[in-house]
C-alpha atoms as a PDB file:
ATOM      1  CA  MET A   1     102.220 -66.891  25.494  1.00  0.00           C
ATOM      2  CA  ALA A   2      99.691 -65.561  23.096  1.00  0.00           C
ATOM      3  CA  PRO A   3      98.430 -62.110  23.906  1.00  0.00           C
ATOM      4  CA  ARG A   4      94.965 -61.805  25.413  1.00  0.00           C
ATOM      5  CA  GLU A   5      92.385 -60.284  23.209  1.00  0.00           C
ATOM      6  CA  LEU A   6      89.929 -57.566  24.145  1.00  0.00           C
ATOM      7  CA  ALA A   7      87.110 -56.754  21.713  1.00  0.00           C
ATOM      8  CA  TYR A   8      86.399 -53.123  20.843  1.00  0.00           C
ATOM      9  CA  THR A   9      83.893 -51.155  18.568  1.00  0.00           C
ATOM     10  CA  THR A  10      84.054 -47.583  17.346  1.00  0.00           C
ATOM     11  CA  VAL A  11      80.728 -45.930  16.652  1.00  0.00           C
ATOM     12  CA  ASP A  12      79.777 -42.577  15.134  1.00  0.00           C
ATOM     13  CA  ALA A  13      77.053 -41.173  17.225  1.00  0.00           C
ATOM     14  CA  PHE A  14      74.177 -38.827  16.331  1.00  0.00           C
ATOM     15  CA  THR A  15      74.264 -39.829  12.653  1.00  0.00           C
ATOM     16  CA  SER A  16      72.991 -42.660  10.482  1.00  0.00           C
ATOM     17  CA  SER A  17      76.023 -42.494   8.052  1.00  0.00           C
ATOM     18  CA  PRO A  18      79.593 -43.537   8.613  1.00  0.00           C
ATOM     19  CA  PHE A  19      82.172 -40.774   9.007  1.00  0.00           C
ATOM     20  CA  GLY A  20      79.647 -38.372  10.356  1.00  0.00           C
ATOM     21  CA  GLY A  21      78.480 -37.476  13.851  1.00  0.00           C
ATOM     22  CA  ASN A  22      80.954 -37.837  16.753  1.00  0.00           C
ATOM     23  CA  PRO A  23      83.138 -40.956  17.072  1.00  0.00           C
ATOM     24  CA  ALA A  24      83.645 -42.924  20.248  1.00  0.00           C
ATOM     25  CA  ALA A  25      85.223 -46.189  21.165  1.00  0.00           C
ATOM     26  CA  VAL A  26      83.404 -48.747  23.262  1.00  0.00           C
ATOM     27  CA  ILE A  27      84.822 -51.476  25.428  1.00  0.00           C
ATOM     28  CA  VAL A  28      82.588 -54.108  27.057  1.00  0.00           C
ATOM     29  CA  TRP A  29      84.625 -55.706  29.760  1.00  0.00           C
ATOM     30  CA  PRO A  30      84.494 -59.585  29.569  1.00  0.00           C
ATOM     31  CA  ASP A  31      85.203 -59.969  33.368  1.00  0.00           C
ATOM     32  CA  ALA A  32      85.383 -58.011  36.637  1.00  0.00           C
ATOM     33  CA  THR A  33      89.209 -58.268  36.948  1.00  0.00           C
ATOM     34  CA  LEU A  34      89.823 -56.360  33.751  1.00  0.00           C
ATOM     35  CA  ALA A  35      87.074 -53.883  34.593  1.00  0.00           C
ATOM     36  CA  ALA A  36      88.915 -53.078  37.886  1.00  0.00           C
ATOM     37  CA  ASP A  37      92.166 -52.124  36.059  1.00  0.00           C
ATOM     38  CA  ASP A  38      91.858 -48.349  35.890  1.00  0.00           C
ATOM     39  CA  ALA A  39      95.432 -48.076  34.585  1.00  0.00           C
ATOM     40  CA  LEU A  40      94.578 -50.332  31.707  1.00  0.00           C
ATOM     41  CA  ALA A  41      91.529 -48.446  30.870  1.00  0.00           C
ATOM     42  CA  GLN A  42      93.263 -45.221  30.707  1.00  0.00           C
ATOM     43  CA  GLN A  43      96.028 -46.683  28.440  1.00  0.00           C
ATOM     44  CA  ILE A  44      93.322 -47.921  26.073  1.00  0.00           C
ATOM     45  CA  ALA A  45      91.652 -44.541  25.962  1.00  0.00           C
ATOM     46  CA  ALA A  46      95.019 -42.876  25.261  1.00  0.00           C
ATOM     47  CA  GLU A  47      95.742 -45.459  22.470  1.00  0.00           C
ATOM     48  CA  PHE A  48      92.389 -44.698  20.838  1.00  0.00           C
ATOM     49  CA  ASN A  49      92.963 -40.959  21.291  1.00  0.00           C
ATOM     50  CA  LEU A  50      89.383 -40.112  20.634  1.00  0.00           C
ATOM     51  CA  SER A  51      87.519 -37.457  22.722  1.00  0.00           C
ATOM     52  CA  GLU A  52      85.894 -40.229  24.788  1.00  0.00           C
ATOM     53  CA  THR A  53      86.196 -43.985  25.140  1.00  0.00           C
ATOM     54  CA  ALA A  54      83.316 -45.760  26.953  1.00  0.00           C
ATOM     55  CA  PHE A  55      83.922 -48.771  29.281  1.00  0.00           C
ATOM     56  CA  CYS A  56      81.010 -50.818  30.447  1.00  0.00           C
ATOM     57  CA  GLN A  57      80.456 -54.021  32.506  1.00  0.00           C
ATOM     58  CA  LEU A  58      77.310 -56.140  32.882  1.00  0.00           C
ATOM     59  CA  LEU A  59      75.917 -56.007  36.447  1.00  0.00           C
ATOM     60  CA  ASP A  60      73.608 -58.289  38.352  1.00  0.00           C
ATOM     61  CA  GLY A  61      70.032 -57.383  38.779  1.00  0.00           C
ATOM     62  CA  GLY A  62      68.959 -56.827  35.260  1.00  0.00           C
ATOM     63  CA  THR A  63      66.993 -58.950  32.856  1.00  0.00           C
ATOM     64  CA  ALA A  64      67.354 -60.002  29.206  1.00  0.00           C
ATOM     65  CA  LEU A  65      64.958 -57.198  28.081  1.00  0.00           C
ATOM     66  CA  GLU A  66      66.336 -54.642  30.589  1.00  0.00           C
ATOM     67  CA  PRO A  67      70.008 -55.255  31.313  1.00  0.00           C
ATOM     68  CA  VAL A  68      72.056 -53.134  33.747  1.00  0.00           C
ATOM     69  CA  TYR A  69      75.584 -51.973  33.141  1.00  0.00           C
ATOM     70  CA  GLU A  70      78.190 -49.959  34.899  1.00  0.00           C
ATOM     71  CA  LEU A  71      79.434 -47.163  32.592  1.00  0.00           C
ATOM     72  CA  ARG A  72      82.508 -45.058  32.686  1.00  0.00           C
ATOM     73  CA  TRP A  73      83.975 -42.694  30.266  1.00  0.00           C
ATOM     74  CA  ARG A  74      87.611 -41.697  29.641  1.00  0.00           C
ATOM     75  CA  THR A  75      89.329 -39.037  27.554  1.00  0.00           C
ATOM     76  CA  PRO A  76      92.939 -39.728  26.466  1.00  0.00           C
ATOM     77  CA  MET A  77      93.966 -37.980  29.656  1.00  0.00           C
ATOM     78  CA  THR A  78      91.573 -38.713  32.449  1.00  0.00           C
ATOM     79  CA  GLU A  79      88.238 -40.151  33.578  1.00  0.00           C
ATOM     80  CA  VAL A  80      85.106 -38.164  32.746  1.00  0.00           C
ATOM     81  CA  ARG A  81      82.957 -37.490  35.770  1.00  0.00           C
ATOM     82  CA  LEU A  82      79.343 -36.417  36.284  1.00  0.00           C
ATOM     83  CA  LEU A  83      79.049 -34.367  39.425  1.00  0.00           C
ATOM     84  CA  SER A  84      75.862 -34.221  41.561  1.00  0.00           C
ATOM     85  CA  GLY A  85      74.337 -30.933  42.688  1.00  0.00           C
ATOM     86  CA  ARG A  86      75.642 -31.595  46.128  1.00  0.00           C
ATOM     87  CA  GLU A  87      79.228 -31.572  44.877  1.00  0.00           C
ATOM     88  CA  ARG A  88      79.108 -28.378  42.916  1.00  0.00           C
ATOM     89  CA  ALA A  89      76.887 -25.226  43.328  1.00  0.00           C
ATOM     90  CA  ILE A  90      74.539 -24.629  40.430  1.00  0.00           C
ATOM     91  CA  CYS A  91      75.836 -21.168  39.924  1.00  0.00           C
ATOM     92  CA  GLU A  92      78.781 -19.154  41.263  1.00  0.00           C
ATOM     93  CA  SER A  93      76.594 -16.222  42.214  1.00  0.00           C
ATOM     94  CA  PHE A  94      73.108 -14.824  41.674  1.00  0.00           C
ATOM     95  CA  GLN A  95      73.025 -11.195  41.131  1.00  0.00           C
ATOM     96  CA  THR A  96      69.765  -9.239  40.850  1.00  0.00           C
ATOM     97  CA  ASP A  97      70.049  -9.134  37.011  1.00  0.00           C
ATOM     98  CA  GLU A  98      70.398 -12.937  36.756  1.00  0.00           C
ATOM     99  CA  LYS A  99      67.439 -15.062  35.890  1.00  0.00           C
ATOM    100  CA  LEU A 100      67.461 -18.732  36.785  1.00  0.00           C
ATOM    101  CA  ILE A 101      66.095 -20.642  33.786  1.00  0.00           C
ATOM    102  CA  CYS A 102      66.278 -24.265  34.929  1.00  0.00           C
ATOM    103  CA  THR A 103      67.540 -26.104  37.950  1.00  0.00           C
ATOM    104  CA  GLY A 104      68.046 -29.904  37.990  1.00  0.00           C
ATOM    105  CA  SER A 105      68.648 -32.574  40.515  1.00  0.00           C
ATOM    106  CA  ALA A 106      72.095 -32.995  39.082  1.00  0.00           C
ATOM    107  CA  VAL A 107      74.677 -30.739  37.469  1.00  0.00           C
ATOM    108  CA  ALA A 108      76.528 -32.278  34.500  1.00  0.00           C
ATOM    109  CA  LEU A 109      80.130 -31.233  34.739  1.00  0.00           C
ATOM    110  CA  THR A 110      80.919 -33.261  31.630  1.00  0.00           C
ATOM    111  CA  VAL A 111      78.180 -35.468  30.216  1.00  0.00           C
ATOM    112  CA  SER A 112      79.489 -37.778  27.478  1.00  0.00           C
ATOM    113  CA  GLY A 113      76.225 -37.987  25.454  1.00  0.00           C
ATOM    114  CA  HIS A 114      77.803 -39.228  22.342  1.00  0.00           C
ATOM    115  CA  ALA A 115      79.878 -41.920  24.088  1.00  0.00           C
ATOM    116  CA  THR A 116      76.841 -43.081  25.939  1.00  0.00           C
ATOM    117  CA  LEU A 117      74.793 -43.305  22.697  1.00  0.00           C
ATOM    118  CA  ALA A 118      77.615 -45.259  21.183  1.00  0.00           C
ATOM    119  CA  THR A 119      77.719 -47.642  24.044  1.00  0.00           C
ATOM    120  CA  ALA A 120      73.912 -48.150  23.918  1.00  0.00           C
ATOM    121  CA  HIS A 121      74.115 -48.813  20.210  1.00  0.00           C
ATOM    122  CA  THR A 122      76.847 -51.399  20.694  1.00  0.00           C
ATOM    123  CA  LEU A 123      74.909 -53.209  23.380  1.00  0.00           C
ATOM    124  CA  PHE A 124      71.593 -53.047  21.574  1.00  0.00           C
ATOM    125  CA  THR A 125      72.990 -54.381  18.294  1.00  0.00           C
ATOM    126  CA  SER A 126      75.672 -56.942  19.425  1.00  0.00           C
ATOM    127  CA  HIS A 127      74.942 -57.989  22.961  1.00  0.00           C
ATOM    128  CA  HIS A 128      71.141 -57.518  23.685  1.00  0.00           C
ATOM    129  CA  PRO A 129      69.237 -57.451  20.316  1.00  0.00           C
ATOM    130  CA  GLU A 130      65.883 -58.050  22.074  1.00  0.00           C
ATOM    131  CA  ALA A 131      66.282 -55.476  24.854  1.00  0.00           C
ATOM    132  CA  LYS A 132      64.287 -52.228  24.780  1.00  0.00           C
ATOM    133  CA  THR A 133      65.958 -50.486  27.723  1.00  0.00           C
ATOM    134  CA  ILE A 134      69.464 -50.510  29.071  1.00  0.00           C
ATOM    135  CA  THR A 135      70.239 -48.941  32.488  1.00  0.00           C
ATOM    136  CA  PHE A 136      73.620 -47.478  33.161  1.00  0.00           C
ATOM    137  CA  GLN A 137      75.019 -47.002  36.624  1.00  0.00           C
ATOM    138  CA  THR A 138      77.633 -44.280  36.808  1.00  0.00           C
ATOM    139  CA  ARG A 139      80.163 -43.817  39.503  1.00  0.00           C
ATOM    140  CA  HIS A 140      79.338 -40.354  40.364  1.00  0.00           C
ATOM    141  CA  SER A 141      75.759 -39.464  39.350  1.00  0.00           C
ATOM    142  CA  GLY A 142      73.490 -42.470  39.685  1.00  0.00           C
ATOM    143  CA  THR A 143      71.428 -43.837  36.927  1.00  0.00           C
ATOM    144  CA  LEU A 144      71.138 -43.026  33.229  1.00  0.00           C
ATOM    145  CA  THR A 145      68.900 -44.877  30.796  1.00  0.00           C
ATOM    146  CA  ALA A 146      68.950 -45.742  27.060  1.00  0.00           C
ATOM    147  CA  ARG A 147      65.771 -46.691  25.294  1.00  0.00           C
ATOM    148  CA  ARG A 148      64.997 -47.939  21.738  1.00  0.00           C
ATOM    149  CA  VAL A 149      62.336 -45.751  20.396  1.00  0.00           C
ATOM    150  CA  THR A 150      60.526 -44.974  17.198  1.00  0.00           C
ATOM    151  CA  ASP A 151      59.938 -41.561  15.579  1.00  0.00           C
ATOM    152  CA  ASP A 152      56.682 -41.193  17.606  1.00  0.00           C
ATOM    153  CA  GLY A 153      58.536 -41.943  20.822  1.00  0.00           C
ATOM    154  CA  SER A 154      57.076 -45.411  21.525  1.00  0.00           C
ATOM    155  CA  ASN A 155      59.259 -48.180  22.890  1.00  0.00           C
ATOM    156  CA  GLU A 156      59.478 -50.326  19.734  1.00  0.00           C
ATOM    157  CA  LYS A 157      62.403 -51.976  18.120  1.00  0.00           C
ATOM    158  CA  SER A 158      64.166 -49.197  16.225  1.00  0.00           C
ATOM    159  CA  ASP A 159      67.553 -47.850  15.257  1.00  0.00           C
ATOM    160  CA  LEU A 160      66.784 -44.709  17.200  1.00  0.00           C
ATOM    161  CA  ILE A 161      67.885 -44.471  20.815  1.00  0.00           C
ATOM    162  CA  ALA A 162      66.769 -42.055  23.504  1.00  0.00           C
ATOM    163  CA  LEU A 163      69.101 -41.064  26.368  1.00  0.00           C
ATOM    164  CA  ASP A 164      67.899 -39.633  29.576  1.00  0.00           C
ATOM    165  CA  PHE A 165      69.993 -36.915  31.202  1.00  0.00           C
ATOM    166  CA  PRO A 166      69.556 -34.094  33.720  1.00  0.00           C
ATOM    167  CA  ALA A 167      68.739 -30.763  32.244  1.00  0.00           C
ATOM    168  CA  ALA A 168      71.417 -28.188  32.627  1.00  0.00           C
ATOM    169  CA  PRO A 169      70.842 -25.264  34.986  1.00  0.00           C
ATOM    170  CA  LEU A 170      71.178 -21.910  33.248  1.00  0.00           C
ATOM    171  CA  ILE A 171      70.962 -18.183  33.801  1.00  0.00           C
ATOM    172  CA  THR A 172      70.369 -15.447  31.259  1.00  0.00           C
ATOM    173  CA  LEU A 173      73.138 -12.868  31.152  1.00  0.00           C
ATOM    174  CA  GLU A 174      71.288  -9.563  30.626  1.00  0.00           C
ATOM    175  CA  ASP A 175      73.005  -6.297  29.266  1.00  0.00           C
ATOM    176  CA  GLY A 176      75.268  -5.042  31.959  1.00  0.00           C
ATOM    177  CA  HIS A 177      75.990  -8.431  33.532  1.00  0.00           C
ATOM    178  CA  ARG A 178      79.643  -8.709  34.620  1.00  0.00           C
ATOM    179  CA  ARG A 179      80.354 -11.764  32.346  1.00  0.00           C
ATOM    180  CA  ARG A 180      78.852 -10.360  29.152  1.00  0.00           C
ATOM    181  CA  PRO A 181      81.417  -7.951  27.921  1.00  0.00           C
ATOM    182  CA  LYS A 182      84.226 -10.527  27.988  1.00  0.00           C
ATOM    183  CA  ILE A 183      82.002 -13.044  26.156  1.00  0.00           C
ATOM    184  CA  MET A 184      81.035 -10.535  23.508  1.00  0.00           C
ATOM    185  CA  GLU A 185      84.803  -9.580  23.052  1.00  0.00           C
ATOM    186  CA  ALA A 186      85.728 -13.172  22.519  1.00  0.00           C
ATOM    187  CA  VAL A 187      82.917 -13.662  19.952  1.00  0.00           C
ATOM    188  CA  SER A 188      83.988 -10.578  18.050  1.00  0.00           C
ATOM    189  CA  ARG A 189      87.613 -11.898  17.988  1.00  0.00           C
ATOM    190  CA  ALA A 190      86.768 -15.455  17.243  1.00  0.00           C
ATOM    191  CA  VAL A 191      84.138 -15.044  14.448  1.00  0.00           C
ATOM    192  CA  LYS A 192      85.630 -13.403  11.344  1.00  0.00           C
ATOM    193  CA  ALA A 193      83.891 -10.308  10.115  1.00  0.00           C
ATOM    194  CA  PHE A 194      80.978 -10.762  12.560  1.00  0.00           C
ATOM    195  CA  ASP A 195      78.698  -7.995  13.690  1.00  0.00           C
ATOM    196  CA  THR A 196      78.102  -8.617  17.360  1.00  0.00           C
ATOM    197  CA  SER A 197      74.705  -6.783  17.078  1.00  0.00           C
ATOM    198  CA  LYS A 198      73.492 -10.044  15.648  1.00  0.00           C
ATOM    199  CA  VAL A 199      73.825 -11.583  19.127  1.00  0.00           C
ATOM    200  CA  VAL A 200      70.368 -11.425  20.653  1.00  0.00           C
ATOM    201  CA  ARG A 201      70.782 -13.357  23.850  1.00  0.00           C
ATOM    202  CA  VAL A 202      73.496 -14.773  26.025  1.00  0.00           C
ATOM    203  CA  GLY A 203      73.018 -17.576  28.565  1.00  0.00           C
ATOM    204  CA  TRP A 204      75.467 -19.123  31.141  1.00  0.00           C
ATOM    205  CA  TRP A 205      75.737 -22.808  32.238  1.00  0.00           C
ATOM    206  CA  ASP A 206      77.802 -22.670  35.320  1.00  0.00           C
ATOM    207  CA  GLY A 207      78.276 -26.442  35.739  1.00  0.00           C
ATOM    208  CA  GLN A 208      80.204 -26.506  32.465  1.00  0.00           C
ATOM    209  CA  LYS A 209      81.469 -22.921  32.583  1.00  0.00           C
ATOM    210  CA  ALA A 210      79.767 -22.543  29.308  1.00  0.00           C
ATOM    211  CA  PRO A 211      78.333 -19.357  27.647  1.00  0.00           C
ATOM    212  CA  ILE A 212      75.484 -20.028  25.205  1.00  0.00           C
ATOM    213  CA  VAL A 213      75.385 -17.334  22.471  1.00  0.00           C
ATOM    214  CA  GLU A 214      72.235 -16.910  20.449  1.00  0.00           C
ATOM    215  CA  PHE A 215      72.540 -15.316  17.046  1.00  0.00           C
ATOM    216  CA  GLU A 216      69.712 -13.893  15.144  1.00  0.00           C
ATOM    217  CA  ALA A 217      67.596 -15.730  12.613  1.00  0.00           C
ATOM    218  CA  GLY A 218      69.162 -15.891   9.186  1.00  0.00           C
ATOM    219  CA  THR A 219      72.676 -16.300  10.573  1.00  0.00           C
ATOM    220  CA  GLU A 220      74.552 -18.836   8.410  1.00  0.00           C
ATOM    221  CA  LEU A 221      76.091 -20.434  11.409  1.00  0.00           C
ATOM    222  CA  GLU A 222      77.547 -23.305   9.396  1.00  0.00           C
ATOM    223  CA  SER A 223      79.443 -20.938   7.100  1.00  0.00           C
ATOM    224  CA  LEU A 224      80.996 -18.691   9.682  1.00  0.00           C
ATOM    225  CA  GLU A 225      84.783 -18.674   9.794  1.00  0.00           C
ATOM    226  CA  ILE A 226      85.751 -19.193  13.387  1.00  0.00           C
ATOM    227  CA  ASP A 227      89.053 -19.109  15.221  1.00  0.00           C
ATOM    228  CA  PRO A 228      88.236 -20.834  18.532  1.00  0.00           C
ATOM    229  CA  THR A 229      91.434 -19.701  20.395  1.00  0.00           C
ATOM    230  CA  PRO A 230      89.722 -16.641  22.038  1.00  0.00           C
ATOM    231  CA  PHE A 231      86.950 -18.919  23.407  1.00  0.00           C
ATOM    232  CA  ALA A 232      89.580 -20.589  25.781  1.00  0.00           C
ATOM    233  CA  ASP A 233      89.421 -17.336  27.870  1.00  0.00           C
ATOM    234  CA  ILE A 234      85.672 -17.403  28.585  1.00  0.00           C
ATOM    235  CA  GLY A 235      84.683 -20.943  29.388  1.00  0.00           C
ATOM    236  CA  GLU A 236      85.199 -24.662  29.096  1.00  0.00           C
ATOM    237  CA  LEU A 237      82.458 -25.254  26.470  1.00  0.00           C
ATOM    238  CA  ILE A 238      81.276 -22.443  24.117  1.00  0.00           C
ATOM    239  CA  ILE A 239      77.953 -23.035  22.517  1.00  0.00           C
ATOM    240  CA  LEU A 240      76.841 -20.998  19.604  1.00  0.00           C
ATOM    241  CA  THR A 241      73.167 -21.294  18.373  1.00  0.00           C
ATOM    242  CA  CYS A 242      70.588 -19.756  16.155  1.00  0.00           C
ATOM    243  CA  PRO A 243      67.054 -20.516  14.809  1.00  0.00           C
ATOM    244  CA  ALA A 244      67.112 -22.871  11.811  1.00  0.00           C
ATOM    245  CA  PRO A 245      65.123 -22.008   8.669  1.00  0.00           C
ATOM    246  CA  ALA A 246      61.890 -23.836   8.294  1.00  0.00           C
ATOM    247  CA  GLU A 247      62.937 -25.459   5.035  1.00  0.00           C
ATOM    248  CA  SER A 248      65.971 -27.102   6.771  1.00  0.00           C
ATOM    249  CA  GLY A 249      63.702 -29.538   8.658  1.00  0.00           C
ATOM    250  CA  PHE A 250      65.211 -28.470  11.950  1.00  0.00           C
ATOM    251  CA  ASP A 251      64.335 -25.987  14.704  1.00  0.00           C
ATOM    252  CA  ILE A 252      67.781 -24.959  15.915  1.00  0.00           C
ATOM    253  CA  PHE A 253      71.388 -24.989  14.612  1.00  0.00           C
ATOM    254  CA  SER A 254      74.404 -25.045  16.862  1.00  0.00           C
ATOM    255  CA  ARG A 255      78.251 -25.288  16.961  1.00  0.00           C
ATOM    256  CA  VAL A 256      80.205 -26.060  20.002  1.00  0.00           C
ATOM    257  CA  PHE A 257      83.898 -25.417  20.863  1.00  0.00           C
ATOM    258  CA  ALA A 258      86.167 -26.457  23.802  1.00  0.00           C
ATOM    259  CA  PRO A 259      89.615 -25.113  23.071  1.00  0.00           C
ATOM    260  CA  ALA A 260      90.320 -25.070  26.815  1.00  0.00           C
ATOM    261  CA  PHE A 261      90.252 -28.866  26.654  1.00  0.00           C
ATOM    262  CA  GLY A 262      92.247 -29.027  23.386  1.00  0.00           C
ATOM    263  CA  VAL A 263      89.174 -29.528  21.288  1.00  0.00           C
ATOM    264  CA  PRO A 264      88.916 -26.632  18.782  1.00  0.00           C
ATOM    265  CA  GLU A 265      85.430 -27.692  17.644  1.00  0.00           C
ATOM    266  CA  ASP A 266      83.411 -30.688  18.799  1.00  0.00           C
ATOM    267  CA  PRO A 267      81.606 -32.513  15.907  1.00  0.00           C
ATOM    268  CA  VAL A 268      78.355 -33.325  17.929  1.00  0.00           C
ATOM    269  CA  THR A 269      77.803 -32.632  21.610  1.00  0.00           C
ATOM    270  CA  GLY A 270      74.981 -34.432  23.511  1.00  0.00           C
ATOM    271  CA  ALA A 271      75.962 -32.498  26.637  1.00  0.00           C
ATOM    272  CA  ALA A 272      75.429 -29.106  24.970  1.00  0.00           C
ATOM    273  CA  HIS A 273      71.866 -30.056  24.100  1.00  0.00           C
ATOM    274  CA  THR A 274      71.001 -30.692  27.759  1.00  0.00           C
ATOM    275  CA  ALA A 275      71.562 -26.863  28.041  1.00  0.00           C
ATOM    276  CA  LEU A 276      70.106 -25.848  24.584  1.00  0.00           C
ATOM    277  CA  ALA A 277      66.742 -27.543  25.453  1.00  0.00           C
ATOM    278  CA  PRO A 278      65.940 -25.302  28.447  1.00  0.00           C
ATOM    279  CA  PHE A 279      67.682 -22.317  26.743  1.00  0.00           C
ATOM    280  CA  TRP A 280      65.225 -22.369  23.895  1.00  0.00           C
ATOM    281  CA  LEU A 281      62.061 -23.925  25.362  1.00  0.00           C
ATOM    282  CA  LEU A 282      61.979 -22.112  28.731  1.00  0.00           C
ATOM    283  CA  ASN A 283      62.529 -18.535  27.406  1.00  0.00           C
ATOM    284  CA  ASP A 284      59.574 -16.951  25.682  1.00  0.00           C
ATOM    285  CA  GLN A 285      61.716 -14.529  23.647  1.00  0.00           C
ATOM    286  CA  SER A 286      63.973 -17.242  22.284  1.00  0.00           C
ATOM    287  CA  LEU A 287      61.025 -19.441  21.629  1.00  0.00           C
ATOM    288  CA  SER A 288      59.319 -16.719  19.709  1.00  0.00           C
ATOM    289  CA  ARG A 289      62.313 -16.395  17.302  1.00  0.00           C
ATOM    290  CA  LEU A 290      61.845 -20.052  15.966  1.00  0.00           C
ATOM    291  CA  HIS A 291      60.214 -20.447  12.659  1.00  0.00           C
ATOM    292  CA  ASP A 292      56.399 -20.192  12.475  1.00  0.00           C
ATOM    293  CA  SER A 293      55.870 -23.921  11.855  1.00  0.00           C
ATOM    294  CA  LYS A 294      57.708 -24.745  15.032  1.00  0.00           C
ATOM    295  CA  ARG A 295      55.728 -22.314  17.209  1.00  0.00           C
ATOM    296  CA  ALA A 296      52.534 -23.911  16.038  1.00  0.00           C
ATOM    297  CA  GLN A 297      53.775 -27.294  17.444  1.00  0.00           C
ATOM    298  CA  THR A 298      54.652 -28.711  20.820  1.00  0.00           C
ATOM    299  CA  THR A 299      56.978 -26.530  22.882  1.00  0.00           C
ATOM    300  CA  SER A 300      58.554 -29.461  24.722  1.00  0.00           C
ATOM    301  CA  SER A 301      60.908 -30.753  21.993  1.00  0.00           C
ATOM    302  CA  LEU A 302      63.328 -29.411  19.399  1.00  0.00           C
ATOM    303  CA  ARG A 303      64.858 -30.968  16.052  1.00  0.00           C
ATOM    304  CA  ALA A 304      68.472 -30.031  16.470  1.00  0.00           C
ATOM    305  CA  LYS A 305      71.372 -30.046  14.144  1.00  0.00           C
ATOM    306  CA  GLN A 306      75.006 -29.407  14.984  1.00  0.00           C
ATOM    307  CA  VAL A 307      76.418 -27.871  11.768  1.00  0.00           C
ATOM    308  CA  SER A 308      80.038 -28.822  12.322  1.00  0.00           C
ATOM    309  CA  ARG A 309      82.060 -30.229   9.359  1.00  0.00           C
ATOM    310  CA  ARG A 310      81.079 -33.810  10.341  1.00  0.00           C
ATOM    311  CA  GLY A 311      77.564 -32.756  11.396  1.00  0.00           C
ATOM    312  CA  GLY A 312      75.027 -34.512  13.513  1.00  0.00           C
ATOM    313  CA  GLU A 313      71.477 -34.418  14.538  1.00  0.00           C
ATOM    314  CA  MET A 314      69.095 -35.308  17.294  1.00  0.00           C
ATOM    315  CA  VAL A 315      65.594 -34.690  18.765  1.00  0.00           C
ATOM    316  CA  VAL A 316      65.692 -33.067  22.134  1.00  0.00           C
ATOM    317  CA  LYS A 317      62.783 -33.378  24.496  1.00  0.00           C
ATOM    318  CA  LEU A 318      62.531 -31.521  27.815  1.00  0.00           C
ATOM    319  CA  ASP A 319      60.455 -32.541  30.778  1.00  0.00           C
ATOM    320  CA  GLU A 320      60.067 -29.257  32.639  1.00  0.00           C
ATOM    321  CA  LYS A 321      58.550 -30.941  35.691  1.00  0.00           C
ATOM    322  CA  THR A 322      61.348 -33.507  36.286  1.00  0.00           C
ATOM    323  CA  ARG A 323      64.095 -31.246  34.773  1.00  0.00           C
ATOM    324  CA  ARG A 324      65.135 -34.198  32.545  1.00  0.00           C
ATOM    325  CA  VAL A 325      66.168 -34.085  28.873  1.00  0.00           C
ATOM    326  CA  ASP A 326      65.754 -36.920  26.356  1.00  0.00           C
ATOM    327  CA  LEU A 327      68.345 -36.912  23.514  1.00  0.00           C
ATOM    328  CA  LYS A 328      67.114 -39.066  20.637  1.00  0.00           C
ATOM    329  CA  GLY A 329      69.456 -39.948  17.911  1.00  0.00           C
ATOM    330  CA  SER A 330      70.901 -42.581  15.730  1.00  0.00           C
ATOM    331  CA  ALA A 331      74.409 -44.189  15.595  1.00  0.00           C
ATOM    332  CA  ARG A 332      76.522 -46.218  13.222  1.00  0.00           C
ATOM    333  CA  ARG A 333      79.168 -48.792  13.893  1.00  0.00           C
ATOM    334  CA  VAL A 334      82.250 -48.049  11.878  1.00  0.00           C
ATOM    335  CA  MET A 335      84.964 -50.349  13.134  1.00  0.00           C
ATOM    336  CA  ARG A 336      85.377 -53.362  15.324  1.00  0.00           C
ATOM    337  CA  GLY A 337      88.352 -55.543  16.147  1.00  0.00           C
ATOM    338  CA  VAL A 338      90.595 -56.685  19.119  1.00  0.00           C
ATOM    339  CA  ILE A 339      93.179 -55.139  21.322  1.00  0.00           C
ATOM    340  CA  GLU A 340      96.053 -57.453  22.035  1.00  0.00           C
ATOM    341  CA  LEU A 341      96.981 -57.139  25.705  1.00  0.00           C
END
């Protein structure tokens, strides 16, 4: 008997060029029987061995212009989950020196932003070319949406896609906070020949156990030699960020590390930007450190570039009232083929 064939696509997310951004594999299940086979899905994710593989299935209730899909993500080892605020406390503790920056209706334990963008790109280009919005139902955190948008944010046909996620809840770690010395020690060990006096602010995203370390303006973040090994002791996701120079065309730069999960440096991390948006936009001191041309513009969005080796970019917009973040970026299909089952 000939093997059954299952189509797949690989997409580089948050880039318009091949071999940049963050790669993800996408599987669109052809029927409910295959979609229900969790063991098969995990085997496929392990075979691709990418940071995330996305699996989606068309659901009833949508339309040609606004289809609805179930969406799940898997690493090579396990399924990725989004936990609601009811399942996990926003912060472990609130001391008198901790300031809550942003609380959301959901806490993202692991938001696979790049795999969601890769899925939306695949569906918009190959399955629903006339659609403007795709709704994703997740197993653990309700509804996410992807919209085709233009540079001005309107819902017109475009290669740009906007993803809607909950904003990450953050606290600022002031001098003397119990977490701060360990974070500063790890930074000094990880960043070669780095003066920790260049650290101007430290934040903490409890849902991801993630410190956010802001370096002063003028830091050449992309050029820093970093050994991520010490970061495994201070969190699950380590986010380094600094203001971008005006001539770069961006507002902020970042680099993201996850050695605790076996990821020395993540190429582009949508999840991190659900935290970077409130980190920069809801703190007057950090906002004041952005370049002059940015401060003269709206304070609800950021042009962000993750300056990893592969690199990636997005526009991040924060809705302070709803505590939601729009991640707007491009994606590029790189490979497509079939899996023989």
